[in-house]
């Protein structure tokens, strides 16, 4: 996983994302989800961990959308 996705899964405050433009949040989330998928495909993480990363980013997207 990328350092950004690890920070979010480690409890980074989602309110920081609400200050970013939605397009920046979407770009960052998609990049982190792609990295999580690549890690899963390489066997570095299991499905539960990958899904957890994805769902954390879904929440990030929801928070950014609600802030707009």
PDB file of N, CA and C in Angstrom:
ATOM      1  N   UNK A   1       0.832  -1.183   0.000  1.00  0.00           N
ATOM      2  CA  UNK A   1       0.000   0.000   0.000  1.00  0.00           C
ATOM      3  C   UNK A   1       0.870   1.237   0.000  1.00  0.00           C
ATOM      4  N   UNK A   2       0.317   2.319  -0.448  1.00  0.00           N
ATOM      5  CA  UNK A   2       1.062   3.560  -0.423  1.00  0.00           C
ATOM      6  C   UNK A   2       1.056   4.134   0.974  1.00  0.00           C
ATOM      7  N   UNK A   3       1.951   5.049   1.227  1.00  0.00           N
ATOM      8  CA  UNK A   3       2.001   5.688   2.536  1.00  0.00           C
ATOM      9  C   UNK A   3       0.716   6.450   2.830  1.00  0.00           C
ATOM     10  N   UNK A   4       0.100   7.057   1.800  1.00  0.00           N
ATOM     11  CA  UNK A   4      -1.140   7.806   1.996  1.00  0.00           C
ATOM     12  C   UNK A   4      -2.253   6.901   2.486  1.00  0.00           C
ATOM     13  N   UNK A   5      -2.411   5.749   1.871  1.00  0.00           N
ATOM     14  CA  UNK A   5      -3.494   4.856   2.280  1.00  0.00           C
ATOM     15  C   UNK A   5      -3.239   4.301   3.669  1.00  0.00           C
ATOM     16  N   UNK A   6      -1.978   4.065   4.008  1.00  0.00           N
ATOM     17  CA  UNK A   6      -1.661   3.571   5.338  1.00  0.00           C
ATOM     18  C   UNK A   6      -2.018   4.626   6.382  1.00  0.00           C
ATOM     19  N   UNK A   7      -1.773   5.884   6.068  1.00  0.00           N
ATOM     20  CA  UNK A   7      -2.093   6.948   7.012  1.00  0.00           C
ATOM     21  C   UNK A   7      -3.586   7.027   7.264  1.00  0.00           C
ATOM     22  N   UNK A   8      -4.369   6.859   6.229  1.00  0.00           N
ATOM     23  CA  UNK A   8      -5.816   6.932   6.389  1.00  0.00           C
ATOM     24  C   UNK A   8      -6.308   5.747   7.199  1.00  0.00           C
ATOM     25  N   UNK A   9      -5.804   4.551   6.932  1.00  0.00           N
ATOM     26  CA  UNK A   9      -6.261   3.382   7.661  1.00  0.00           C
ATOM     27  C   UNK A   9      -5.768   3.407   9.102  1.00  0.00           C
ATOM     28  N   UNK A  10      -4.716   4.183   9.386  1.00  0.00           N
ATOM     29  CA  UNK A  10      -4.218   4.282  10.748  1.00  0.00           C
ATOM     30  C   UNK A  10      -4.962   5.341  11.553  1.00  0.00           C
ATOM     31  N   UNK A  11      -6.037   5.894  11.003  1.00  0.00           N
ATOM     32  CA  UNK A  11      -6.883   6.798  11.753  1.00  0.00           C
ATOM     33  C   UNK A  11      -6.667   8.263  11.461  1.00  0.00           C
ATOM     34  N   UNK A  12      -6.137   8.590  10.311  1.00  0.00           N
ATOM     35  CA  UNK A  12      -5.979   9.993   9.942  1.00  0.00           C
ATOM     36  C   UNK A  12      -7.338  10.679   9.989  1.00  0.00           C
ATOM     37  N   UNK A  13      -7.350  11.890  10.478  1.00  0.00           N
ATOM     38  CA  UNK A  13      -8.597  12.632  10.615  1.00  0.00           C
ATOM     39  C   UNK A  13      -9.168  12.958   9.244  1.00  0.00           C
ATOM     40  N   UNK A  14     -10.367  12.456   8.974  1.00  0.00           N
ATOM     41  CA  UNK A  14     -10.997  12.643   7.676  1.00  0.00           C
ATOM     42  C   UNK A  14     -11.387  14.090   7.423  1.00  0.00           C
ATOM     43  N   UNK A  15     -11.438  14.919   8.450  1.00  0.00           N
ATOM     44  CA  UNK A  15     -11.816  16.309   8.232  1.00  0.00           C
ATOM     45  C   UNK A  15     -10.765  17.059   7.430  1.00  0.00           C
ATOM     46  N   UNK A  16      -9.532  16.588   7.432  1.00  0.00           N
ATOM     47  CA  UNK A  16      -8.510  17.211   6.609  1.00  0.00           C
ATOM     48  C   UNK A  16      -8.867  17.110   5.138  1.00  0.00           C
ATOM     49  N   UNK A  17      -9.468  16.012   4.723  1.00  0.00           N
ATOM     50  CA  UNK A  17      -9.839  15.813   3.336  1.00  0.00           C
ATOM     51  C   UNK A  17     -10.941  16.765   2.908  1.00  0.00           C
ATOM     52  N   UNK A  18     -11.802  17.175   3.839  1.00  0.00           N
ATOM     53  CA  UNK A  18     -12.918  18.034   3.483  1.00  0.00           C
ATOM     54  C   UNK A  18     -12.438  19.399   3.000  1.00  0.00           C
ATOM     55  N   UNK A  19     -11.205  19.766   3.308  1.00  0.00           N
ATOM     56  CA  UNK A  19     -10.650  21.029   2.860  1.00  0.00           C
ATOM     57  C   UNK A  19     -10.071  20.928   1.460  1.00  0.00           C
ATOM     58  N   UNK A  20      -9.851  19.726   0.974  1.00  0.00           N
ATOM     59  CA  UNK A  20      -9.324  19.520  -0.370  1.00  0.00           C
ATOM     60  C   UNK A  20     -10.459  19.602  -1.380  1.00  0.00           C
ATOM     61  N   UNK A  21     -10.167  20.080  -2.581  1.00  0.00           N
ATOM     62  CA  UNK A  21     -11.186  20.021  -3.632  1.00  0.00           C
ATOM     63  C   UNK A  21     -11.562  18.560  -3.905  1.00  0.00           C
ATOM     64  N   UNK A  22     -12.820  18.341  -4.229  1.00  0.00           N
ATOM     65  CA  UNK A  22     -13.303  16.980  -4.465  1.00  0.00           C
ATOM     66  C   UNK A  22     -12.480  16.268  -5.525  1.00  0.00           C
ATOM     67  N   UNK A  23     -12.096  16.961  -6.577  1.00  0.00           N
ATOM     68  CA  UNK A  23     -11.321  16.323  -7.641  1.00  0.00           C
ATOM     69  C   UNK A  23      -9.979  15.806  -7.123  1.00  0.00           C
ATOM     70  N   UNK A  24      -9.358  16.544  -6.198  1.00  0.00           N
ATOM     71  CA  UNK A  24      -8.092  16.082  -5.610  1.00  0.00           C
ATOM     72  C   UNK A  24      -8.300  14.850  -4.738  1.00  0.00           C
ATOM     73  N   UNK A  25      -9.392  14.850  -3.980  1.00  0.00           N
ATOM     74  CA  UNK A  25      -9.701  13.700  -3.132  1.00  0.00           C
ATOM     75  C   UNK A  25      -9.944  12.468  -3.999  1.00  0.00           C
ATOM     76  N   UNK A  26     -10.724  12.629  -5.070  1.00  0.00           N
ATOM     77  CA  UNK A  26     -11.013  11.498  -5.965  1.00  0.00           C
ATOM     78  C   UNK A  26      -9.726  10.958  -6.568  1.00  0.00           C
ATOM     79  N   UNK A  27      -8.861  11.833  -7.032  1.00  0.00           N
ATOM     80  CA  UNK A  27      -7.591  11.404  -7.628  1.00  0.00           C
ATOM     81  C   UNK A  27      -6.745  10.625  -6.619  1.00  0.00           C
ATOM     82  N   UNK A  28      -6.661  11.136  -5.407  1.00  0.00           N
ATOM     83  CA  UNK A  28      -5.881  10.478  -4.362  1.00  0.00           C
ATOM     84  C   UNK A  28      -6.474   9.119  -3.981  1.00  0.00           C
ATOM     85  N   UNK A  29      -7.796   9.088  -3.831  1.00  0.00           N
ATOM     86  CA  UNK A  29      -8.478   7.844  -3.458  1.00  0.00           C
ATOM     87  C   UNK A  29      -8.288   6.778  -4.527  1.00  0.00           C
ATOM     88  N   UNK A  30      -8.467   7.151  -5.777  1.00  0.00           N
ATOM     89  CA  UNK A  30      -8.307   6.174  -6.854  1.00  0.00           C
ATOM     90  C   UNK A  30      -6.884   5.636  -6.905  1.00  0.00           C
ATOM     91  N   UNK A  31      -5.921   6.510  -6.699  1.00  0.00           N
ATOM     92  CA  UNK A  31      -4.525   6.075  -6.678  1.00  0.00           C
ATOM     93  C   UNK A  31      -4.271   5.082  -5.539  1.00  0.00           C
ATOM     94  N   UNK A  32      -4.802   5.397  -4.353  1.00  0.00           N
ATOM     95  CA  UNK A  32      -4.614   4.519  -3.202  1.00  0.00           C
ATOM     96  C   UNK A  32      -5.331   3.186  -3.374  1.00  0.00           C
ATOM     97  N   UNK A  33      -6.518   3.214  -3.972  1.00  0.00           N
ATOM     98  CA  UNK A  33      -7.244   1.964  -4.213  1.00  0.00           C
ATOM     99  C   UNK A  33      -6.507   1.116  -5.241  1.00  0.00           C
ATOM    100  N   UNK A  34      -5.976   1.750  -6.291  1.00  0.00           N
ATOM    101  CA  UNK A  34      -5.174   1.013  -7.263  1.00  0.00           C
ATOM    102  C   UNK A  34      -3.967   0.357  -6.599  1.00  0.00           C
ATOM    103  N   UNK A  35      -3.307   1.094  -5.708  1.00  0.00           N
ATOM    104  CA  UNK A  35      -2.139   0.540  -5.006  1.00  0.00           C
ATOM    105  C   UNK A  35      -2.546  -0.628  -4.122  1.00  0.00           C
ATOM    106  N   UNK A  36      -3.683  -0.504  -3.441  1.00  0.00           N
ATOM    107  CA  UNK A  36      -4.162  -1.596  -2.585  1.00  0.00           C
ATOM    108  C   UNK A  36      -4.472  -2.837  -3.420  1.00  0.00           C
ATOM    109  N   UNK A  37      -5.068  -2.626  -4.580  1.00  0.00           N
ATOM    110  CA  UNK A  37      -5.380  -3.756  -5.466  1.00  0.00           C
ATOM    111  C   UNK A  37      -4.097  -4.421  -5.965  1.00  0.00           C
ATOM    112  N   UNK A  38      -3.121  -3.609  -6.329  1.00  0.00           N
ATOM    113  CA  UNK A  38      -1.836  -4.165  -6.780  1.00  0.00           C
ATOM    114  C   UNK A  38      -1.184  -4.986  -5.663  1.00  0.00           C
ATOM    115  N   UNK A  39      -1.231  -4.479  -4.444  1.00  0.00           N
ATOM    116  CA  UNK A  39      -0.673  -5.227  -3.314  1.00  0.00           C
ATOM    117  C   UNK A  39      -1.391  -6.557  -3.135  1.00  0.00           C
ATOM    118  N   UNK A  40      -2.709  -6.542  -3.283  1.00  0.00           N
ATOM    119  CA  UNK A  40      -3.487  -7.772  -3.170  1.00  0.00           C
ATOM    120  C   UNK A  40      -3.104  -8.751  -4.285  1.00  0.00           C
ATOM    121  N   UNK A  41      -3.022  -8.250  -5.500  1.00  0.00           N
ATOM    122  CA  UNK A  41      -2.673  -9.109  -6.641  1.00  0.00           C
ATOM    123  C   UNK A  41      -1.291  -9.735  -6.475  1.00  0.00           C
ATOM    124  N   UNK A  42      -0.379  -9.028  -5.852  1.00  0.00           N
ATOM    125  CA  UNK A  42       0.984  -9.549  -5.627  1.00  0.00           C
ATOM    126  C   UNK A  42       1.063 -10.479  -4.419  1.00  0.00           C
ATOM    127  N   UNK A  43      -0.038 -10.564  -3.679  1.00  0.00           N
ATOM    128  CA  UNK A  43      -0.058 -11.442  -2.515  1.00  0.00           C
ATOM    129  C   UNK A  43       0.466 -10.803  -1.246  1.00  0.00           C
ATOM    130  N   UNK A  44       0.641  -9.482  -1.260  1.00  0.00           N
ATOM    131  CA  UNK A  44       1.168  -8.782  -0.084  1.00  0.00           C
ATOM    132  C   UNK A  44       0.123  -8.618   1.010  1.00  0.00           C
ATOM    133  N   UNK A  45      -1.155  -8.571   0.630  1.00  0.00           N
ATOM    134  CA  UNK A  45      -2.235  -8.406   1.599  1.00  0.00           C
ATOM    135  C   UNK A  45      -3.353  -9.385   1.272  1.00  0.00           C
ATOM    136  N   UNK A  46      -4.199  -9.635   2.262  1.00  0.00           N
ATOM    137  CA  UNK A  46      -5.336 -10.519   2.011  1.00  0.00           C
ATOM    138  C   UNK A  46      -6.557  -9.691   1.610  1.00  0.00           C
ATOM    139  N   UNK A  47      -7.617 -10.380   1.254  1.00  0.00           N
ATOM    140  CA  UNK A  47      -8.827  -9.717   0.766  1.00  0.00           C
ATOM    141  C   UNK A  47      -9.455  -8.826   1.828  1.00  0.00           C
ATOM    142  N   UNK A  48      -9.464  -9.259   3.079  1.00  0.00           N
ATOM    143  CA  UNK A  48     -10.061  -8.454   4.145  1.00  0.00           C
ATOM    144  C   UNK A  48      -9.329  -7.128   4.327  1.00  0.00           C
ATOM    145  N   UNK A  49      -8.017  -7.174   4.303  1.00  0.00           N
ATOM    146  CA  UNK A  49      -7.234  -5.949   4.459  1.00  0.00           C
ATOM    147  C   UNK A  49      -7.454  -5.016   3.277  1.00  0.00           C
ATOM    148  N   UNK A  50      -7.503  -5.569   2.087  1.00  0.00           N
ATOM    149  CA  UNK A  50      -7.731  -4.764   0.888  1.00  0.00           C
ATOM    150  C   UNK A  50      -9.108  -4.123   0.918  1.00  0.00           C
ATOM    151  N   UNK A  51     -10.115  -4.887   1.301  1.00  0.00           N
ATOM    152  CA  UNK A  51     -11.467  -4.340   1.389  1.00  0.00           C
ATOM    153  C   UNK A  51     -11.542  -3.249   2.453  1.00  0.00           C
ATOM    154  N   UNK A  52     -10.838  -3.418   3.526  1.00  0.00           N
ATOM    155  CA  UNK A  52     -10.806  -2.400   4.567  1.00  0.00           C
ATOM    156  C   UNK A  52     -10.242  -1.083   4.037  1.00  0.00           C
ATOM    157  N   UNK A  53      -9.167  -1.165   3.265  1.00  0.00           N
ATOM    158  CA  UNK A  53      -8.584   0.031   2.651  1.00  0.00           C
ATOM    159  C   UNK A  53      -9.593   0.683   1.715  1.00  0.00           C
ATOM    160  N   UNK A  54     -10.230  -0.112   0.879  1.00  0.00           N
ATOM    161  CA  UNK A  54     -11.213   0.416  -0.071  1.00  0.00           C
ATOM    162  C   UNK A  54     -12.352   1.112   0.666  1.00  0.00           C
ATOM    163  N   UNK A  55     -12.889   0.481   1.695  1.00  0.00           N
ATOM    164  CA  UNK A  55     -14.022   1.069   2.413  1.00  0.00           C
ATOM    165  C   UNK A  55     -13.617   2.346   3.167  1.00  0.00           C
ATOM    166  N   UNK A  56     -12.387   2.399   3.651  1.00  0.00           N
ATOM    167  CA  UNK A  56     -11.892   3.622   4.279  1.00  0.00           C
ATOM    168  C   UNK A  56     -11.896   4.765   3.267  1.00  0.00           C
ATOM    169  N   UNK A  57     -11.497   4.453   2.047  1.00  0.00           N
ATOM    170  CA  UNK A  57     -11.478   5.475   1.001  1.00  0.00           C
ATOM    171  C   UNK A  57     -12.880   5.837   0.527  1.00  0.00           C
ATOM    172  N   UNK A  58     -13.793   4.914   0.565  1.00  0.00           N
ATOM    173  CA  UNK A  58     -15.190   5.234   0.247  1.00  0.00           C
ATOM    174  C   UNK A  58     -15.704   6.266   1.253  1.00  0.00           C
ATOM    175  N   UNK A  59     -15.372   6.081   2.511  1.00  0.00           N
ATOM    176  CA  UNK A  59     -15.767   7.057   3.533  1.00  0.00           C
ATOM    177  C   UNK A  59     -15.124   8.414   3.268  1.00  0.00           C
ATOM    178  N   UNK A  60     -13.875   8.403   2.846  1.00  0.00           N
ATOM    179  CA  UNK A  60     -13.181   9.645   2.492  1.00  0.00           C
ATOM    180  C   UNK A  60     -13.908  10.373   1.371  1.00  0.00           C
ATOM    181  N   UNK A  61     -14.351   9.616   0.375  1.00  0.00           N
ATOM    182  CA  UNK A  61     -15.092  10.216  -0.735  1.00  0.00           C
ATOM    183  C   UNK A  61     -16.422  10.786  -0.252  1.00  0.00           C
ATOM    184  N   UNK A  62     -17.106  10.047   0.594  1.00  0.00           N
ATOM    185  CA  UNK A  62     -18.381  10.532   1.131  1.00  0.00           C
ATOM    186  C   UNK A  62     -18.189  11.823   1.912  1.00  0.00           C
ATOM    187  N   UNK A  63     -17.174  11.869   2.755  1.00  0.00           N
ATOM    188  CA  UNK A  63     -16.907  13.066   3.546  1.00  0.00           C
ATOM    189  C   UNK A  63     -16.597  14.267   2.641  1.00  0.00           C
ATOM    190  N   UNK A  64     -15.790  14.038   1.610  1.00  0.00           N
ATOM    191  CA  UNK A  64     -15.432  15.122   0.688  1.00  0.00           C
ATOM    192  C   UNK A  64     -16.662  15.594  -0.085  1.00  0.00           C
ATOM    193  N   UNK A  65     -17.506  14.661  -0.491  1.00  0.00           N
ATOM    194  CA  UNK A  65     -18.730  15.008  -1.213  1.00  0.00           C
ATOM    195  C   UNK A  65     -19.663  15.811  -0.326  1.00  0.00           C
ATOM    196  N   UNK A  66     -19.828  15.382   0.908  1.00  0.00           N
ATOM    197  CA  UNK A  66     -20.714  16.081   1.840  1.00  0.00           C
ATOM    198  C   UNK A  66     -20.209  17.485   2.153  1.00  0.00           C
ATOM    199  N   UNK A  67     -18.894  17.685   2.110  1.00  0.00           N
ATOM    200  CA  UNK A  67     -18.317  18.991   2.423  1.00  0.00           C
ATOM    201  C   UNK A  67     -18.499  19.992   1.291  1.00  0.00           C
ATOM    202  N   UNK A  68     -18.806  19.513   0.101  1.00  0.00           N
ATOM    203  CA  UNK A  68     -18.962  20.415  -1.054  1.00  0.00           C
ATOM    204  C   UNK A  68     -20.287  21.125  -1.041  1.00  0.00           C
TER     205      UNK A  68
END
